[in-house]
N, C-alpha and C. Protein backbone atom coordinates (compact mmCIF):
# COMPACT_ATOMS: atom_id res chain seq x y z
N MET A 1 12.38 12.89 -22.15
CA MET A 1 11.81 12.60 -20.86
C MET A 1 12.75 13.17 -19.80
N SER A 2 12.25 13.99 -18.91
CA SER A 2 13.12 14.68 -17.96
C SER A 2 12.93 14.18 -16.52
N LYS A 3 12.52 12.94 -16.35
CA LYS A 3 12.38 12.38 -15.01
C LYS A 3 13.75 12.09 -14.43
N THR A 4 13.84 12.16 -13.12
CA THR A 4 15.04 11.75 -12.41
C THR A 4 14.73 10.43 -11.73
N TYR A 5 15.62 9.47 -11.89
CA TYR A 5 15.40 8.14 -11.33
C TYR A 5 16.38 7.87 -10.21
N GLU A 6 15.86 7.38 -9.10
CA GLU A 6 16.71 6.93 -8.02
C GLU A 6 17.17 5.53 -8.41
N ILE A 7 18.48 5.36 -8.52
CA ILE A 7 19.02 4.11 -9.03
C ILE A 7 19.22 3.13 -7.89
N ASP A 8 18.22 2.28 -7.67
CA ASP A 8 18.35 1.23 -6.67
C ASP A 8 17.90 -0.10 -7.27
N TYR A 9 18.07 -0.23 -8.59
CA TYR A 9 17.66 -1.42 -9.30
C TYR A 9 18.80 -1.85 -10.22
N ASP A 10 18.82 -3.12 -10.49
CA ASP A 10 19.84 -3.71 -11.34
C ASP A 10 19.44 -3.55 -12.81
N ALA A 11 20.38 -3.25 -13.68
CA ALA A 11 20.09 -3.06 -15.10
C ALA A 11 19.49 -4.33 -15.71
N ASN A 12 19.96 -5.49 -15.27
CA ASN A 12 19.41 -6.75 -15.78
C ASN A 12 17.93 -6.90 -15.43
N THR A 13 17.55 -6.43 -14.26
CA THR A 13 16.15 -6.47 -13.85
C THR A 13 15.31 -5.59 -14.77
N VAL A 14 15.84 -4.43 -15.14
CA VAL A 14 15.12 -3.54 -16.05
C VAL A 14 14.93 -4.22 -17.41
N ILE A 15 15.97 -4.86 -17.91
CA ILE A 15 15.89 -5.55 -19.20
C ILE A 15 14.88 -6.70 -19.13
N GLU A 16 14.93 -7.48 -18.06
CA GLU A 16 13.98 -8.59 -17.89
C GLU A 16 12.54 -8.07 -17.84
N THR A 17 12.34 -6.97 -17.12
CA THR A 17 11.01 -6.38 -17.02
C THR A 17 10.54 -5.87 -18.38
N LEU A 18 11.45 -5.25 -19.13
CA LEU A 18 11.11 -4.77 -20.48
C LEU A 18 10.66 -5.91 -21.38
N LEU A 19 11.35 -7.02 -21.33
CA LEU A 19 10.97 -8.18 -22.15
C LEU A 19 9.57 -8.67 -21.76
N PHE A 20 9.29 -8.69 -20.46
CA PHE A 20 7.96 -9.08 -20.01
C PHE A 20 6.90 -8.09 -20.50
N LEU A 21 7.18 -6.79 -20.35
CA LEU A 21 6.20 -5.77 -20.74
C LEU A 21 5.91 -5.80 -22.24
N VAL A 22 6.94 -5.98 -23.05
CA VAL A 22 6.74 -6.02 -24.50
C VAL A 22 5.91 -7.24 -24.88
N SER A 23 6.17 -8.38 -24.25
CA SER A 23 5.37 -9.57 -24.55
C SER A 23 3.94 -9.39 -24.07
N ARG A 24 3.75 -8.73 -22.94
CA ARG A 24 2.40 -8.46 -22.44
C ARG A 24 1.65 -7.52 -23.39
N TYR A 25 2.36 -6.49 -23.87
CA TYR A 25 1.74 -5.54 -24.79
C TYR A 25 1.31 -6.25 -26.07
N GLN A 26 2.10 -7.20 -26.53
CA GLN A 26 1.77 -7.94 -27.74
C GLN A 26 0.43 -8.67 -27.58
N LYS A 27 0.18 -9.20 -26.38
CA LYS A 27 -1.06 -9.95 -26.13
C LYS A 27 -2.24 -9.03 -25.86
N ASN A 28 -1.96 -7.90 -25.20
CA ASN A 28 -3.03 -7.00 -24.81
C ASN A 28 -2.51 -5.56 -24.84
N PRO A 29 -2.61 -4.89 -25.98
CA PRO A 29 -2.03 -3.55 -26.12
C PRO A 29 -2.81 -2.49 -25.33
N GLU A 30 -2.33 -2.19 -24.14
CA GLU A 30 -2.93 -1.17 -23.30
C GLU A 30 -1.98 0.02 -23.19
N SER A 31 -2.55 1.21 -23.10
CA SER A 31 -1.71 2.41 -23.03
C SER A 31 -0.85 2.43 -21.76
N ARG A 32 -1.34 1.88 -20.66
CA ARG A 32 -0.54 1.89 -19.43
C ARG A 32 0.68 0.96 -19.55
N VAL A 33 0.56 -0.12 -20.32
CA VAL A 33 1.71 -1.00 -20.54
C VAL A 33 2.72 -0.28 -21.43
N ARG A 34 2.22 0.42 -22.43
CA ARG A 34 3.11 1.19 -23.30
C ARG A 34 3.86 2.25 -22.49
N LEU A 35 3.18 2.93 -21.60
CA LEU A 35 3.82 3.93 -20.74
C LEU A 35 4.88 3.29 -19.86
N ALA A 36 4.60 2.11 -19.32
CA ALA A 36 5.59 1.41 -18.50
C ALA A 36 6.82 1.04 -19.32
N ILE A 37 6.62 0.67 -20.59
CA ILE A 37 7.74 0.37 -21.48
C ILE A 37 8.59 1.61 -21.68
N VAL A 38 7.96 2.75 -21.93
CA VAL A 38 8.69 4.01 -22.13
C VAL A 38 9.50 4.34 -20.87
N GLU A 39 8.89 4.21 -19.71
CA GLU A 39 9.59 4.54 -18.46
C GLU A 39 10.76 3.59 -18.20
N HIS A 40 10.59 2.33 -18.51
CA HIS A 40 11.68 1.37 -18.31
C HIS A 40 12.81 1.60 -19.32
N MET A 41 12.47 2.03 -20.52
CA MET A 41 13.52 2.40 -21.49
C MET A 41 14.33 3.58 -20.97
N ALA A 42 13.66 4.53 -20.34
CA ALA A 42 14.37 5.68 -19.76
C ALA A 42 15.26 5.24 -18.61
N MET A 43 14.76 4.34 -17.78
CA MET A 43 15.58 3.84 -16.68
C MET A 43 16.82 3.14 -17.21
N LEU A 44 16.66 2.37 -18.29
CA LEU A 44 17.81 1.68 -18.89
C LEU A 44 18.79 2.69 -19.48
N GLU A 45 18.28 3.68 -20.17
CA GLU A 45 19.14 4.71 -20.77
C GLU A 45 20.00 5.41 -19.73
N HIS A 46 19.45 5.68 -18.57
CA HIS A 46 20.15 6.47 -17.55
C HIS A 46 20.80 5.64 -16.45
N HIS A 47 20.77 4.33 -16.58
CA HIS A 47 21.35 3.47 -15.54
C HIS A 47 22.87 3.59 -15.53
N PRO A 48 23.47 3.81 -14.35
CA PRO A 48 24.93 4.01 -14.30
C PRO A 48 25.75 2.78 -14.71
N SER A 49 25.20 1.59 -14.60
CA SER A 49 25.99 0.42 -14.98
C SER A 49 25.90 0.11 -16.48
N VAL A 50 25.06 0.83 -17.19
CA VAL A 50 25.00 0.67 -18.65
C VAL A 50 26.05 1.60 -19.24
N THR A 51 27.12 1.00 -19.70
CA THR A 51 28.24 1.79 -20.22
C THR A 51 28.29 1.82 -21.74
N SER A 52 27.49 0.99 -22.36
CA SER A 52 27.47 0.93 -23.82
C SER A 52 26.68 2.11 -24.40
N ASP A 53 27.36 2.92 -25.19
CA ASP A 53 26.68 4.04 -25.84
C ASP A 53 25.60 3.55 -26.80
N SER A 54 25.86 2.43 -27.47
CA SER A 54 24.85 1.91 -28.42
C SER A 54 23.61 1.44 -27.67
N LEU A 55 23.75 0.85 -26.49
CA LEU A 55 22.59 0.43 -25.71
C LEU A 55 21.81 1.65 -25.21
N ARG A 56 22.53 2.66 -24.75
CA ARG A 56 21.87 3.89 -24.30
C ARG A 56 21.11 4.56 -25.46
N ASN A 57 21.75 4.63 -26.62
CA ASN A 57 21.12 5.24 -27.79
C ASN A 57 19.89 4.44 -28.23
N THR A 58 20.02 3.12 -28.20
CA THR A 58 18.88 2.26 -28.56
C THR A 58 17.73 2.47 -27.59
N ALA A 59 18.01 2.52 -26.30
CA ALA A 59 16.96 2.74 -25.30
C ALA A 59 16.29 4.09 -25.53
N LYS A 60 17.09 5.10 -25.86
CA LYS A 60 16.53 6.44 -26.12
C LYS A 60 15.62 6.41 -27.35
N ARG A 61 16.07 5.79 -28.43
CA ARG A 61 15.27 5.72 -29.65
C ARG A 61 14.01 4.89 -29.46
N LEU A 62 14.10 3.83 -28.66
CA LEU A 62 12.92 3.02 -28.41
C LEU A 62 11.91 3.75 -27.51
N GLN A 63 12.40 4.65 -26.67
CA GLN A 63 11.47 5.49 -25.90
C GLN A 63 10.62 6.31 -26.86
N GLU A 64 11.25 6.88 -27.87
CA GLU A 64 10.52 7.67 -28.87
C GLU A 64 9.54 6.80 -29.63
N PHE A 65 9.98 5.59 -30.00
CA PHE A 65 9.12 4.68 -30.74
C PHE A 65 7.88 4.32 -29.92
N TRP A 66 8.08 3.92 -28.67
CA TRP A 66 6.96 3.49 -27.84
C TRP A 66 6.11 4.67 -27.38
N SER A 67 6.64 5.88 -27.46
CA SER A 67 5.86 7.07 -27.11
C SER A 67 4.94 7.50 -28.24
N CYS A 68 5.17 6.95 -29.42
CA CYS A 68 4.37 7.30 -30.59
C CYS A 68 2.90 7.03 -30.32
N ASP A 69 2.07 8.02 -30.60
CA ASP A 69 0.64 7.89 -30.34
C ASP A 69 -0.06 7.32 -31.57
N CYS A 70 0.11 6.02 -31.77
CA CYS A 70 -0.51 5.36 -32.92
C CYS A 70 -0.76 3.90 -32.58
N ASP A 71 -1.45 3.22 -33.45
CA ASP A 71 -1.74 1.81 -33.28
C ASP A 71 -0.59 1.01 -33.88
N LEU A 72 0.25 0.44 -33.02
CA LEU A 72 1.44 -0.26 -33.50
C LEU A 72 1.11 -1.56 -34.23
N LYS A 73 -0.12 -2.01 -34.15
CA LYS A 73 -0.52 -3.23 -34.86
C LYS A 73 -0.86 -2.95 -36.32
N LYS A 74 -1.10 -1.69 -36.65
CA LYS A 74 -1.38 -1.33 -38.04
C LYS A 74 -0.06 -1.06 -38.75
N ARG A 75 0.14 -1.69 -39.87
CA ARG A 75 1.41 -1.59 -40.59
C ARG A 75 1.81 -0.14 -40.88
N GLU A 76 0.87 0.66 -41.38
CA GLU A 76 1.22 2.05 -41.72
C GLU A 76 1.56 2.88 -40.48
N ASP A 77 0.86 2.63 -39.37
CA ASP A 77 1.17 3.34 -38.13
C ASP A 77 2.52 2.91 -37.57
N PHE A 78 2.80 1.61 -37.66
CA PHE A 78 4.07 1.08 -37.18
C PHE A 78 5.23 1.75 -37.90
N HIS A 79 5.15 1.83 -39.22
CA HIS A 79 6.22 2.46 -39.99
C HIS A 79 6.29 3.96 -39.72
N GLN A 80 5.17 4.58 -39.45
CA GLN A 80 5.16 6.01 -39.09
C GLN A 80 5.96 6.24 -37.81
N CYS A 81 5.80 5.33 -36.85
CA CYS A 81 6.51 5.46 -35.58
C CYS A 81 8.01 5.22 -35.72
N LEU A 82 8.41 4.48 -36.76
CA LEU A 82 9.82 4.21 -36.97
C LEU A 82 10.57 5.40 -37.55
N ARG A 83 9.84 6.31 -38.17
CA ARG A 83 10.49 7.48 -38.78
C ARG A 83 11.05 8.40 -37.71
N PRO A 84 12.27 8.86 -37.88
CA PRO A 84 12.85 9.79 -36.90
C PRO A 84 12.06 11.09 -36.85
N LYS A 85 11.94 11.63 -35.66
CA LYS A 85 11.22 12.88 -35.45
C LYS A 85 12.23 14.02 -35.30
N ASP A 86 12.36 14.86 -36.26
CA ASP A 86 13.17 16.09 -36.19
C ASP A 86 14.37 15.98 -35.24
N SER A 87 15.02 14.84 -35.22
CA SER A 87 16.20 14.71 -34.38
C SER A 87 17.32 14.09 -35.19
N VAL A 88 18.52 14.36 -34.78
CA VAL A 88 19.69 13.83 -35.45
C VAL A 88 19.99 12.47 -34.85
N LEU A 89 20.11 11.46 -35.70
CA LEU A 89 20.47 10.12 -35.23
C LEU A 89 21.98 10.03 -35.10
N HIS A 90 22.44 9.38 -34.07
CA HIS A 90 23.89 9.23 -33.84
C HIS A 90 24.35 7.89 -34.31
């Protein structure tokens, strides 16, 4: 994802919003909620106050997971989305 984000938000707010979005998606899986999750993962990955490499890497990997074009409620699709896509894991 090559968006540039103006950083005027707190990292904790992004995490709180992500938790809300994931719980909302669980109740009503809409593509716009999934897109919001992907965008918030990117904001978390690039936030200047996030200094943990493992948190940044997790946010990056979860962006890929949530970007997967499949039905996450189906077991086989869910596991398909978990497979790494032609990238080296760190």
